[in-house]
Every structure is written in structure tokens, then in C-alpha cells.
């Protein structure tokens, strides 16, 4: 029996699935923050910066994300991928 190779998924389908996954993940993080059931370590950092300096949690998430992406790209001497910016910028604005 011969197997048929499935065609590669179109570019926009891959990005759509990736973006929907980011939205679901971000929605879950925002629910965890709002219900006070406990948070992930990075979210605790953003919440602590929010309490200390007054910017919103999502703003701190974006600022820290830029710092981490910048430091990583400087150390590895590679350009960051577009998915890193989507994760940091677009989907963190839910909370």
C-alpha cells in the first residue's frame, strides 16, 4: 500500500494556527491573574513591576519582552523571528 504525502500547509494557515494558540494562551494567563489562583514566574515579575512602578501588566510584559529579545539577539548575533514579536506584542494586550 502506498502512502500519499500530504501537501505542505499554506503559509497563512500556519500563522493562523500559531496566532490562535497565542490568543488562547494569553486568555488563560489573564484568567489566572484575575482569579488570584497563582501565576507563572514571568507573570509574577510583571505583576510586581506593575505594583512598584504603576504601568500596566501588559506594558511591563512588552518592555521585558523587548529587553529579552534584544539581549538574546545581541548574544546570539541572530535576528529575532516574527513569532517572538507576535507573542510579546499582540497577544499580551489581553490583560
PDB file of N, CA and C in Angstrom:
ATOM      1  N   UNK A   1       0.832  -1.160   0.000  1.00  0.00           N
ATOM      2  CA  UNK A   1       0.000   0.000   0.000  1.00  0.00           C
ATOM      3  C   UNK A   1       0.888   1.238   0.000  1.00  0.00           C
ATOM      4  N   UNK A   2       0.560   2.171  -0.820  1.00  0.00           N
ATOM      5  CA  UNK A   2       1.372   3.355  -0.994  1.00  0.00           C
ATOM      6  C   UNK A   2       0.812   4.511  -0.161  1.00  0.00           C
ATOM      7  N   UNK A   3       1.707   5.212   0.523  1.00  0.00           N
ATOM      8  CA  UNK A   3       1.261   6.366   1.289  1.00  0.00           C
ATOM      9  C   UNK A   3       1.354   7.618   0.427  1.00  0.00           C
ATOM     10  N   UNK A   4       0.409   8.462   0.601  1.00  0.00           N
ATOM     11  CA  UNK A   4       0.381   9.703  -0.153  1.00  0.00           C
ATOM     12  C   UNK A   4       0.855  10.827   0.751  1.00  0.00           C
ATOM     13  N   UNK A   5       1.848  11.547   0.289  1.00  0.00           N
ATOM     14  CA  UNK A   5       2.356  12.672   1.071  1.00  0.00           C
ATOM     15  C   UNK A   5       1.346  13.805   1.030  1.00  0.00           C
ATOM     16  N   UNK A   6       1.043  14.338   2.210  1.00  0.00           N
ATOM     17  CA  UNK A   6       0.114  15.464   2.238  1.00  0.00           C
ATOM     18  C   UNK A   6       0.845  16.727   1.817  1.00  0.00           C
ATOM     19  N   UNK A   7       0.161  17.591   1.101  1.00  0.00           N
ATOM     20  CA  UNK A   7       0.826  18.827   0.676  1.00  0.00           C
ATOM     21  C   UNK A   7       1.128  19.711   1.874  1.00  0.00           C
ATOM     22  N   UNK A   8       2.139  20.525   1.718  1.00  0.00           N
ATOM     23  CA  UNK A   8       2.508  21.436   2.801  1.00  0.00           C
ATOM     24  C   UNK A   8       1.379  22.426   3.057  1.00  0.00           C
ATOM     25  N   UNK A   9       1.178  22.734   4.326  1.00  0.00           N
ATOM     26  CA  UNK A   9       0.129  23.682   4.668  1.00  0.00           C
ATOM     27  C   UNK A   9       0.513  25.064   4.149  1.00  0.00           C
ATOM     28  N   UNK A  10      -0.471  25.790   3.676  1.00  0.00           N
ATOM     29  CA  UNK A  10      -0.163  27.149   3.221  1.00  0.00           C
ATOM     30  C   UNK A  10       0.373  28.005   4.359  1.00  0.00           C
ATOM     31  N   UNK A  11       1.119  29.002   3.991  1.00  0.00           N
ATOM     32  CA  UNK A  11       1.784  29.876   4.946  1.00  0.00           C
ATOM     33  C   UNK A  11       0.794  30.528   5.901  1.00  0.00           C
ATOM     34  N   UNK A  12      -0.318  31.024   5.381  1.00  0.00           N
ATOM     35  CA  UNK A  12      -1.271  31.727   6.236  1.00  0.00           C
ATOM     36  C   UNK A  12      -1.984  30.795   7.206  1.00  0.00           C
ATOM     37  N   UNK A  13      -2.143  29.536   6.854  1.00  0.00           N
ATOM     38  CA  UNK A  13      -2.779  28.577   7.760  1.00  0.00           C
ATOM     39  C   UNK A  13      -1.876  28.336   8.975  1.00  0.00           C
ATOM     40  N   UNK A  14      -0.574  28.196   8.746  1.00  0.00           N
ATOM     41  CA  UNK A  14       0.358  28.004   9.850  1.00  0.00           C
ATOM     42  C   UNK A  14       0.351  29.210  10.781  1.00  0.00           C
ATOM     43  N   UNK A  15       0.355  30.408  10.232  1.00  0.00           N
ATOM     44  CA  UNK A  15       0.346  31.612  11.059  1.00  0.00           C
ATOM     45  C   UNK A  15      -0.982  31.776  11.779  1.00  0.00           C
ATOM     46  N   UNK A  16      -2.076  31.393  11.162  1.00  0.00           N
ATOM     47  CA  UNK A  16      -3.373  31.483  11.810  1.00  0.00           C
ATOM     48  C   UNK A  16      -3.438  30.550  13.017  1.00  0.00           C
ATOM     49  N   UNK A  17      -2.971  29.332  12.862  1.00  0.00           N
ATOM     50  CA  UNK A  17      -2.963  28.371  13.969  1.00  0.00           C
ATOM     51  C   UNK A  17      -2.044  28.871  15.083  1.00  0.00           C
ATOM     52  N   UNK A  18      -0.883  29.405  14.715  1.00  0.00           N
ATOM     53  CA  UNK A  18       0.049  29.955  15.696  1.00  0.00           C
ATOM     54  C   UNK A  18      -0.586  31.119  16.453  1.00  0.00           C
ATOM     55  N   UNK A  19      -1.235  32.029  15.739  1.00  0.00           N
ATOM     56  CA  UNK A  19      -1.852  33.192  16.352  1.00  0.00           C
ATOM     57  C   UNK A  19      -3.007  32.784  17.261  1.00  0.00           C
ATOM     58  N   UNK A  20      -3.815  31.831  16.856  1.00  0.00           N
ATOM     59  CA  UNK A  20      -4.917  31.364  17.703  1.00  0.00           C
ATOM     60  C   UNK A  20      -4.387  30.701  18.974  1.00  0.00           C
ATOM     61  N   UNK A  21      -3.293  29.959  18.868  1.00  0.00           N
ATOM     62  CA  UNK A  21      -2.668  29.376  20.052  1.00  0.00           C
ATOM     63  C   UNK A  21      -2.175  30.446  21.020  1.00  0.00           C
ATOM     64  N   UNK A  22      -1.613  31.518  20.479  1.00  0.00           N
ATOM     65  CA  UNK A  22      -1.174  32.621  21.328  1.00  0.00           C
ATOM     66  C   UNK A  22      -2.347  33.296  22.023  1.00  0.00           C
ATOM     67  N   UNK A  23      -3.447  33.454  21.318  1.00  0.00           N
ATOM     68  CA  UNK A  23      -4.626  34.064  21.930  1.00  0.00           C
ATOM     69  C   UNK A  23      -5.184  33.204  23.062  1.00  0.00           C
ATOM     70  N   UNK A  24      -5.245  31.907  22.848  1.00  0.00           N
ATOM     71  CA  UNK A  24      -5.749  31.000  23.880  1.00  0.00           C
ATOM     72  C   UNK A  24      -4.821  31.017  25.096  1.00  0.00           C
ATOM     73  N   UNK A  25      -3.513  30.978  24.852  1.00  0.00           N
ATOM     74  CA  UNK A  25      -2.548  31.029  25.946  1.00  0.00           C
ATOM     75  C   UNK A  25      -2.668  32.345  26.720  1.00  0.00           C
ATOM     76  N   UNK A  26      -2.787  33.438  26.005  1.00  0.00           N
ATOM     77  CA  UNK A  26      -2.883  34.739  26.651  1.00  0.00           C
ATOM     78  C   UNK A  26      -4.183  34.889  27.433  1.00  0.00           C
ATOM     79  N   UNK A  27      -5.250  34.339  26.920  1.00  0.00           N
ATOM     80  CA  UNK A  27      -6.519  34.373  27.635  1.00  0.00           C
ATOM     81  C   UNK A  27      -6.421  33.583  28.937  1.00  0.00           C
ATOM     82  N   UNK A  28      -5.756  32.443  28.903  1.00  0.00           N
ATOM     83  CA  UNK A  28      -5.559  31.648  30.110  1.00  0.00           C
ATOM     84  C   UNK A  28      -4.714  32.382  31.144  1.00  0.00           C
ATOM     85  N   UNK A  29      -3.677  33.080  30.700  1.00  0.00           N
ATOM     86  CA  UNK A  29      -2.844  33.850  31.618  1.00  0.00           C
ATOM     87  C   UNK A  29      -3.659  34.965  32.254  1.00  0.00           C
ATOM     88  N   UNK A  30      -4.468  35.646  31.446  1.00  0.00           N
ATOM     89  CA  UNK A  30      -5.272  36.740  32.001  1.00  0.00           C
ATOM     90  C   UNK A  30      -6.299  36.217  33.008  1.00  0.00           C
ATOM     91  N   UNK A  31      -6.864  35.053  32.754  1.00  0.00           N
ATOM     92  CA  UNK A  31      -7.795  34.469  33.725  1.00  0.00           C
ATOM     93  C   UNK A  31      -7.085  34.106  35.030  1.00  0.00           C
ATOM     94  N   UNK A  32      -5.872  33.576  34.941  1.00  0.00           N
ATOM     95  CA  UNK A  32      -5.114  33.234  36.145  1.00  0.00           C
ATOM     96  C   UNK A  32      -4.801  34.480  36.964  1.00  0.00           C
ATOM     97  N   UNK A  33      -4.464  35.590  36.297  1.00  0.00           N
ATOM     98  CA  UNK A  33      -4.157  36.829  37.012  1.00  0.00           C
ATOM     99  C   UNK A  33      -5.408  37.376  37.683  1.00  0.00           C
ATOM    100  N   UNK A  34      -6.527  37.354  36.980  1.00  0.00           N
ATOM    101  CA  UNK A  34      -7.757  37.944  37.530  1.00  0.00           C
ATOM    102  C   UNK A  34      -8.354  37.119  38.677  1.00  0.00           C
ATOM    103  N   UNK A  35      -8.166  35.810  38.671  1.00  0.00           N
ATOM    104  CA  UNK A  35      -8.779  34.972  39.701  1.00  0.00           C
ATOM    105  C   UNK A  35      -7.903  34.788  40.931  1.00  0.00           C
ATOM    106  N   UNK A  36      -6.652  35.255  40.874  1.00  0.00           N
ATOM    107  CA  UNK A  36      -5.720  35.127  42.007  1.00  0.00           C
ATOM    108  C   UNK A  36      -5.528  33.682  42.438  1.00  0.00           C
ATOM    109  N   UNK A  37      -5.457  32.771  41.493  1.00  0.00           N
ATOM    110  CA  UNK A  37      -5.229  31.358  41.818  1.00  0.00           C
ATOM    111  C   UNK A  37      -3.756  30.975  41.773  1.00  0.00           C
ATOM    112  N   UNK A  38      -2.905  31.916  41.479  1.00  0.00           N
ATOM    113  CA  UNK A  38      -1.483  31.648  41.326  1.00  0.00           C
ATOM    114  C   UNK A  38      -1.054  32.001  39.922  1.00  0.00           C
ATOM    115  N   UNK A  39       0.192  32.331  39.769  1.00  0.00           N
ATOM    116  CA  UNK A  39       0.688  32.780  38.475  1.00  0.00           C
ATOM    117  C   UNK A  39       2.027  32.143  38.156  1.00  0.00           C
ATOM    118  N   UNK A  40       2.387  32.226  36.889  1.00  0.00           N
ATOM    119  CA  UNK A  40       3.687  31.756  36.434  1.00  0.00           C
ATOM    120  C   UNK A  40       4.759  32.755  36.866  1.00  0.00           C
ATOM    121  N   UNK A  41       6.015  32.340  36.959  1.00  0.00           N
ATOM    122  CA  UNK A  41       7.072  33.237  37.428  1.00  0.00           C
ATOM    123  C   UNK A  41       7.213  34.524  36.615  1.00  0.00           C
ATOM    124  N   UNK A  42       7.104  34.446  35.301  1.00  0.00           N
ATOM    125  CA  UNK A  42       7.221  35.668  34.494  1.00  0.00           C
ATOM    126  C   UNK A  42       6.055  36.599  34.753  1.00  0.00           C
ATOM    127  N   UNK A  43       4.884  36.047  34.960  1.00  0.00           N
ATOM    128  CA  UNK A  43       3.724  36.889  35.249  1.00  0.00           C
ATOM    129  C   UNK A  43       3.849  37.536  36.621  1.00  0.00           C
ATOM    130  N   UNK A  44       4.453  36.840  37.572  1.00  0.00           N
ATOM    131  CA  UNK A  44       4.696  37.424  38.889  1.00  0.00           C
ATOM    132  C   UNK A  44       5.658  38.601  38.761  1.00  0.00           C
ATOM    133  N   UNK A  45       6.662  38.474  37.901  1.00  0.00           N
ATOM    134  CA  UNK A  45       7.572  39.591  37.650  1.00  0.00           C
ATOM    135  C   UNK A  45       6.810  40.789  37.102  1.00  0.00           C
ATOM    136  N   UNK A  46       5.949  40.577  36.124  1.00  0.00           N
ATOM    137  CA  UNK A  46       5.191  41.676  35.522  1.00  0.00           C
ATOM    138  C   UNK A  46       4.224  42.297  36.529  1.00  0.00           C
ATOM    139  N   UNK A  47       3.609  41.476  37.351  1.00  0.00           N
ATOM    140  CA  UNK A  47       2.685  41.989  38.369  1.00  0.00           C
ATOM    141  C   UNK A  47       3.451  42.790  39.419  1.00  0.00           C
ATOM    142  N   UNK A  48       4.613  42.308  39.825  1.00  0.00           N
ATOM    143  CA  UNK A  48       5.433  43.037  40.783  1.00  0.00           C
ATOM    144  C   UNK A  48       5.891  44.383  40.242  1.00  0.00           C
ATOM    145  N   UNK A  49       6.289  44.427  38.981  1.00  0.00           N
ATOM    146  CA  UNK A  49       6.672  45.699  38.365  1.00  0.00           C
ATOM    147  C   UNK A  49       5.478  46.633  38.268  1.00  0.00           C
ATOM    148  N   UNK A  50       4.302  46.079  38.019  1.00  0.00           N
ATOM    149  CA  UNK A  50       3.080  46.880  37.984  1.00  0.00           C
ATOM    150  C   UNK A  50       2.819  47.536  39.337  1.00  0.00           C
ATOM    151  N   UNK A  51       2.955  46.775  40.418  1.00  0.00           N
ATOM    152  CA  UNK A  51       2.723  47.328  41.753  1.00  0.00           C
ATOM    153  C   UNK A  51       3.795  48.346  42.148  1.00  0.00           C
ATOM    154  N   UNK A  52       5.029  48.132  41.712  1.00  0.00           N
ATOM    155  CA  UNK A  52       6.113  49.027  42.103  1.00  0.00           C
ATOM    156  C   UNK A  52       6.163  50.316  41.287  1.00  0.00           C
ATOM    157  N   UNK A  53       5.900  50.228  39.985  1.00  0.00           N
ATOM    158  CA  UNK A  53       6.121  51.378  39.112  1.00  0.00           C
ATOM    159  C   UNK A  53       4.868  51.901  38.432  1.00  0.00           C
ATOM    160  N   UNK A  54       3.763  51.166  38.468  1.00  0.00           N
ATOM    161  CA  UNK A  54       2.493  51.706  38.035  1.00  0.00           C
ATOM    162  C   UNK A  54       2.084  51.523  36.593  1.00  0.00           C
ATOM    163  N   UNK A  55       2.948  51.060  35.712  1.00  0.00           N
ATOM    164  CA  UNK A  55       2.499  50.775  34.345  1.00  0.00           C
ATOM    165  C   UNK A  55       1.641  49.519  34.367  1.00  0.00           C
ATOM    166  N   UNK A  56       0.888  49.273  33.303  1.00  0.00           N
ATOM    167  CA  UNK A  56       0.020  48.093  33.281  1.00  0.00           C
ATOM    168  C   UNK A  56       0.850  46.813  33.157  1.00  0.00           C
ATOM    169  N   UNK A  57       0.215  45.701  33.470  1.00  0.00           N
ATOM    170  CA  UNK A  57       0.893  44.400  33.404  1.00  0.00           C
ATOM    171  C   UNK A  57       1.304  44.086  31.973  1.00  0.00           C
ATOM    172  N   UNK A  58       0.429  44.382  31.021  1.00  0.00           N
ATOM    173  CA  UNK A  58       0.779  44.088  29.623  1.00  0.00           C
ATOM    174  C   UNK A  58       1.896  44.992  29.132  1.00  0.00           C
ATOM    175  N   UNK A  59       1.963  46.238  29.609  1.00  0.00           N
ATOM    176  CA  UNK A  59       3.060  47.126  29.224  1.00  0.00           C
ATOM    177  C   UNK A  59       4.383  46.595  29.745  1.00  0.00           C
ATOM    178  N   UNK A  60       4.400  46.124  30.974  1.00  0.00           N
ATOM    179  CA  UNK A  60       5.624  45.542  31.520  1.00  0.00           C
ATOM    180  C   UNK A  60       6.003  44.271  30.780  1.00  0.00           C
ATOM    181  N   UNK A  61       5.012  43.510  30.378  1.00  0.00           N
ATOM    182  CA  UNK A  61       5.296  42.301  29.611  1.00  0.00           C
ATOM    183  C   UNK A  61       5.970  42.641  28.283  1.00  0.00           C
ATOM    184  N   UNK A  62       5.509  43.688  27.640  1.00  0.00           N
ATOM    185  CA  UNK A  62       6.102  44.108  26.364  1.00  0.00           C
ATOM    186  C   UNK A  62       7.504  44.659  26.577  1.00  0.00           C
ATOM    187  N   UNK A  63       7.698  45.478  27.617  1.00  0.00           N
ATOM    188  CA  UNK A  63       9.018  46.050  27.887  1.00  0.00           C
ATOM    189  C   UNK A  63      10.029  44.946  28.193  1.00  0.00           C
ATOM    190  N   UNK A  64       9.668  44.033  29.069  1.00  0.00           N
ATOM    191  CA  UNK A  64      10.573  42.930  29.413  1.00  0.00           C
ATOM    192  C   UNK A  64      10.812  42.042  28.191  1.00  0.00           C
ATOM    193  N   UNK A  65       9.765  41.847  27.375  1.00  0.00           N
ATOM    194  CA  UNK A  65       9.925  41.058  26.153  1.00  0.00           C
ATOM    195  C   UNK A  65      10.924  41.679  25.198  1.00  0.00           C
ATOM    196  N   UNK A  66      10.854  43.005  25.012  1.00  0.00           N
ATOM    197  CA  UNK A  66      11.830  43.685  24.163  1.00  0.00           C
ATOM    198  C   UNK A  66      13.241  43.539  24.719  1.00  0.00           C
ATOM    199  N   UNK A  67      13.383  43.663  26.034  1.00  0.00           N
ATOM    200  CA  UNK A  67      14.709  43.508  26.634  1.00  0.00           C
ATOM    201  C   UNK A  67      15.260  42.102  26.431  1.00  0.00           C
ATOM    202  N   UNK A  68      14.423  41.087  26.632  1.00  0.00           N
ATOM    203  CA  UNK A  68      14.869  39.701  26.469  1.00  0.00           C
ATOM    204  C   UNK A  68      15.196  39.397  25.004  1.00  0.00           C
ATOM    205  N   UNK A  69      14.328  39.836  24.097  1.00  0.00           N
ATOM    206  CA  UNK A  69      14.589  39.599  22.674  1.00  0.00           C
ATOM    207  C   UNK A  69      15.842  40.327  22.228  1.00  0.00           C
ATOM    208  N   UNK A  70      16.012  41.573  22.696  1.00  0.00           N
ATOM    209  CA  UNK A  70      17.212  42.337  22.339  1.00  0.00           C
ATOM    210  C   UNK A  70      18.481  41.693  22.868  1.00  0.00           C
ATOM    211  N   UNK A  71      18.463  41.262  24.129  1.00  0.00           N
ATOM    212  CA  UNK A  71      19.645  40.623  24.708  1.00  0.00           C
ATOM    213  C   UNK A  71      19.961  39.302  24.011  1.00  0.00           C
ATOM    214  N   UNK A  72      18.921  38.539  23.699  1.00  0.00           N
ATOM    215  CA  UNK A  72      19.141  37.257  23.021  1.00  0.00           C
ATOM    216  C   UNK A  72      19.699  37.455  21.618  1.00  0.00           C
ATOM    217  N   UNK A  73      19.148  38.408  20.890  1.00  0.00           N
ATOM    218  CA  UNK A  73      19.653  38.638  19.533  1.00  0.00           C
ATOM    219  C   UNK A  73      21.066  39.212  19.558  1.00  0.00           C
ATOM    220  N   UNK A  74      21.395  39.992  20.586  1.00  0.00           N
ATOM    221  CA  UNK A  74      22.750  40.525  20.701  1.00  0.00           C
ATOM    222  C   UNK A  74      23.738  39.409  21.038  1.00  0.00           C
ATOM    223  N   UNK A  75      23.354  38.505  21.953  1.00  0.00           N
ATOM    224  CA  UNK A  75      24.251  37.423  22.347  1.00  0.00           C
ATOM    225  C   UNK A  75      24.437  36.381  21.252  1.00  0.00           C
ATOM    226  N   UNK A  76      23.367  36.054  20.550  1.00  0.00           N
ATOM    227  CA  UNK A  76      23.470  35.030  19.504  1.00  0.00           C
ATOM    228  C   UNK A  76      23.822  35.604  18.140  1.00  0.00           C
ATOM    229  N   UNK A  77      23.754  36.905  18.018  1.00  0.00           N
ATOM    230  CA  UNK A  77      24.027  37.619  16.765  1.00  0.00           C
ATOM    231  C   UNK A  77      23.136  37.127  15.624  1.00  0.00           C
ATOM    232  N   UNK A  78      21.881  36.878  15.982  1.00  0.00           N
ATOM    233  CA  UNK A  78      20.869  36.482  15.004  1.00  0.00           C
ATOM    234  C   UNK A  78      19.676  37.395  15.142  1.00  0.00           C
ATOM    235  N   UNK A  79      18.962  37.559  14.054  1.00  0.00           N
ATOM    236  CA  UNK A  79      17.741  38.350  14.093  1.00  0.00           C
ATOM    237  C   UNK A  79      16.629  37.552  14.749  1.00  0.00           C
ATOM    238  N   UNK A  80      15.801  38.224  15.548  1.00  0.00           N
ATOM    239  CA  UNK A  80      14.658  37.510  16.132  1.00  0.00           C
ATOM    240  C   UNK A  80      13.610  37.191  15.074  1.00  0.00           C
ATOM    241  N   UNK A  81      12.860  36.147  15.320  1.00  0.00           N
ATOM    242  CA  UNK A  81      11.821  35.750  14.373  1.00  0.00           C
ATOM    243  C   UNK A  81      10.539  36.526  14.658  1.00  0.00           C
ATOM    244  N   UNK A  82       9.671  36.560  13.687  1.00  0.00           N
ATOM    245  CA  UNK A  82       8.432  37.334  13.801  1.00  0.00           C
ATOM    246  C   UNK A  82       7.514  36.791  14.885  1.00  0.00           C
ATOM    247  N   UNK A  83       7.539  35.502  15.136  1.00  0.00           N
ATOM    248  CA  UNK A  83       6.687  34.908  16.159  1.00  0.00           C
ATOM    249  C   UNK A  83       6.997  35.420  17.553  1.00  0.00           C
ATOM    250  N   UNK A  84       8.253  35.773  17.802  1.00  0.00           N
ATOM    251  CA  UNK A  84       8.621  36.316  19.109  1.00  0.00           C
ATOM    252  C   UNK A  84       7.944  37.660  19.337  1.00  0.00           C
ATOM    253  N   UNK A  85       7.889  38.485  18.302  1.00  0.00           N
ATOM    254  CA  UNK A  85       7.243  39.786  18.433  1.00  0.00           C
ATOM    255  C   UNK A  85       5.730  39.651  18.536  1.00  0.00           C
ATOM    256  N   UNK A  86       5.162  38.675  17.845  1.00  0.00           N
ATOM    257  CA  UNK A  86       3.727  38.439  17.980  1.00  0.00           C
ATOM    258  C   UNK A  86       3.382  38.005  19.396  1.00  0.00           C
ATOM    259  N   UNK A  87       4.175  37.106  19.950  1.00  0.00           N
ATOM    260  CA  UNK A  87       3.936  36.634  21.306  1.00  0.00           C
ATOM    261  C   UNK A  87       4.043  37.783  22.299  1.00  0.00           C
ATOM    262  N   UNK A  88       5.019  38.629  22.114  1.00  0.00           N
ATOM    263  CA  UNK A  88       5.262  39.699  23.059  1.00  0.00           C
ATOM    264  C   UNK A  88       4.276  40.845  22.891  1.00  0.00           C
ATOM    265  N   UNK A  89       4.004  41.248  21.699  1.00  0.00           N
ATOM    266  CA  UNK A  89       3.256  42.475  21.481  1.00  0.00           C
ATOM    267  C   UNK A  89       1.760  42.322  21.304  1.00  0.00           C
ATOM    268  N   UNK A  90       1.360  41.437  20.443  1.00  0.00           N
ATOM    269  CA  UNK A  90      -0.060  41.366  20.084  1.00  0.00           C
ATOM    270  C   UNK A  90      -0.879  40.672  21.155  1.00  0.00           C
ATOM    271  N   UNK A  91      -0.442  39.527  21.587  1.00  0.00           N
ATOM    272  CA  UNK A  91      -1.282  38.709  22.449  1.00  0.00           C
ATOM    273  C   UNK A  91      -1.182  39.070  23.922  1.00  0.00           C
ATOM    274  N   UNK A  92      -0.211  39.836  24.332  1.00  0.00           N
ATOM    275  CA  UNK A  92      -0.098  40.215  25.729  1.00  0.00           C
ATOM    276  C   UNK A  92      -1.026  41.372  26.081  1.00  0.00           C
ATOM    277  N   UNK A  93      -1.684  41.952  25.109  1.00  0.00           N
ATOM    278  CA  UNK A  93      -2.575  43.081  25.402  1.00  0.00           C
ATOM    279  C   UNK A  93      -3.963  42.641  25.825  1.00  0.00           C
ATOM    280  N   UNK A  94      -4.171  41.359  26.044  1.00  0.00           N
ATOM    281  CA  UNK A  94      -5.473  40.897  26.517  1.00  0.00           C
ATOM    282  C   UNK A  94      -5.680  41.305  27.966  1.00  0.00           C
ATOM    283  N   UNK A  95      -4.640  41.232  28.784  1.00  0.00           N
ATOM    284  CA  UNK A  95      -4.834  41.602  30.190  1.00  0.00           C
ATOM    285  C   UNK A  95      -4.290  42.955  30.493  1.00  0.00           C
TER     286      UNK A  95
END
